[in-house]
């Protein structure tokens, strides 16, 4: 099985359930924001859940079906942040 390592663009899912977005400040120099992506194996709704983190604050989740590709990369040892 080959992993899709191409960059992914997506809207963060579930931001209304987390307070992380309240502390987020968009860069003013046109650089894209950088977030940490962490697998969440204990998520009861999705075994491939991937949290989107801004520092220690959760912003939301990577949406389906993009999360499966990112989960596979993270568990294969790729750096996803």
Protein backbone atom coordinates (compact mmCIF):
# COMPACT_ATOMS: atom_id res chain seq x y z
CA UNK A 1 0.00 0.00 0.00
CA UNK A 2 1.43 3.39 -0.93
CA UNK A 3 0.68 6.41 1.20
CA UNK A 4 -0.55 9.67 -0.32
CA UNK A 5 2.00 12.18 0.97
CA UNK A 6 0.73 15.14 -1.07
CA UNK A 7 -0.26 18.29 0.87
CA UNK A 8 -3.89 18.37 2.00
CA UNK A 9 -6.14 21.41 2.17
CA UNK A 10 -9.26 21.22 4.32
CA UNK A 11 -11.54 23.16 6.62
CA UNK A 12 -11.17 22.23 10.29
CA UNK A 13 -14.23 20.29 11.47
CA UNK A 14 -15.96 20.79 14.81
CA UNK A 15 -14.50 24.19 15.73
CA UNK A 16 -17.73 25.11 17.54
CA UNK A 17 -17.01 22.39 20.12
CA UNK A 18 -13.56 23.70 21.14
CA UNK A 19 -12.14 26.97 22.45
CA UNK A 20 -8.80 26.77 20.64
CA UNK A 21 -9.95 29.01 17.81
CA UNK A 22 -10.56 31.86 20.28
CA UNK A 23 -6.80 32.09 20.95
CA UNK A 24 -5.75 31.73 17.31
CA UNK A 25 -4.26 34.76 15.58
CA UNK A 26 -3.87 34.59 11.81
CA UNK A 27 -0.34 35.44 10.62
CA UNK A 28 -0.20 38.88 9.00
CA UNK A 29 2.72 38.16 6.66
CA UNK A 30 0.74 35.85 4.31
CA UNK A 31 2.38 32.69 5.67
CA UNK A 32 -0.07 29.87 6.21
CA UNK A 33 -0.79 28.91 9.81
CA UNK A 34 0.86 25.76 11.15
CA UNK A 35 -0.99 23.36 13.42
CA UNK A 36 -0.03 20.06 15.07
CA UNK A 37 -2.04 17.03 14.01
CA UNK A 38 -2.47 14.33 16.64
CA UNK A 39 -4.17 10.96 16.28
CA UNK A 40 -6.97 10.42 18.79
CA UNK A 41 -7.43 6.64 19.02
CA UNK A 42 -9.80 6.96 21.98
CA UNK A 43 -12.35 8.98 19.96
CA UNK A 44 -15.65 7.11 20.24
CA UNK A 45 -17.03 8.54 16.98
CA UNK A 46 -14.13 7.83 14.61
CA UNK A 47 -11.22 5.42 15.03
CA UNK A 48 -9.23 7.55 12.55
CA UNK A 49 -9.87 10.85 14.37
CA UNK A 50 -7.06 13.40 14.11
CA UNK A 51 -7.06 16.45 16.39
CA UNK A 52 -5.97 19.84 15.05
CA UNK A 53 -3.92 21.58 17.74
CA UNK A 54 -2.78 25.19 18.08
CA UNK A 55 -0.14 24.88 20.79
CA UNK A 56 -1.91 23.13 23.68
CA UNK A 57 -5.38 24.18 22.47
CA UNK A 58 -7.57 21.98 20.31
CA UNK A 59 -9.04 23.76 17.29
CA UNK A 60 -11.15 20.84 16.04
CA UNK A 61 -10.58 17.74 13.93
CA UNK A 62 -9.37 16.85 10.45
CA UNK A 63 -12.61 16.10 8.53
CA UNK A 64 -13.53 12.78 6.98
CA UNK A 65 -12.29 11.34 4.63
CA UNK A 66 -9.02 13.35 4.73
CA UNK A 67 -8.40 12.10 8.29
CA UNK A 68 -7.78 8.53 7.11
CA UNK A 69 -4.84 9.61 4.92
CA UNK A 70 -3.36 11.76 7.69
CA UNK A 71 -3.88 9.01 10.28
CA UNK A 72 -2.03 6.57 8.00
CA UNK A 73 0.87 9.00 7.57
CA UNK A 74 1.12 9.66 11.30
CA UNK A 75 1.10 5.97 12.20
CA UNK A 76 3.72 5.27 9.50
CA UNK A 77 6.11 7.70 11.19
CA UNK A 78 5.69 10.76 8.98
CA UNK A 79 5.95 14.10 10.73
CA UNK A 80 2.53 15.77 10.38
CA UNK A 81 3.22 19.15 11.98
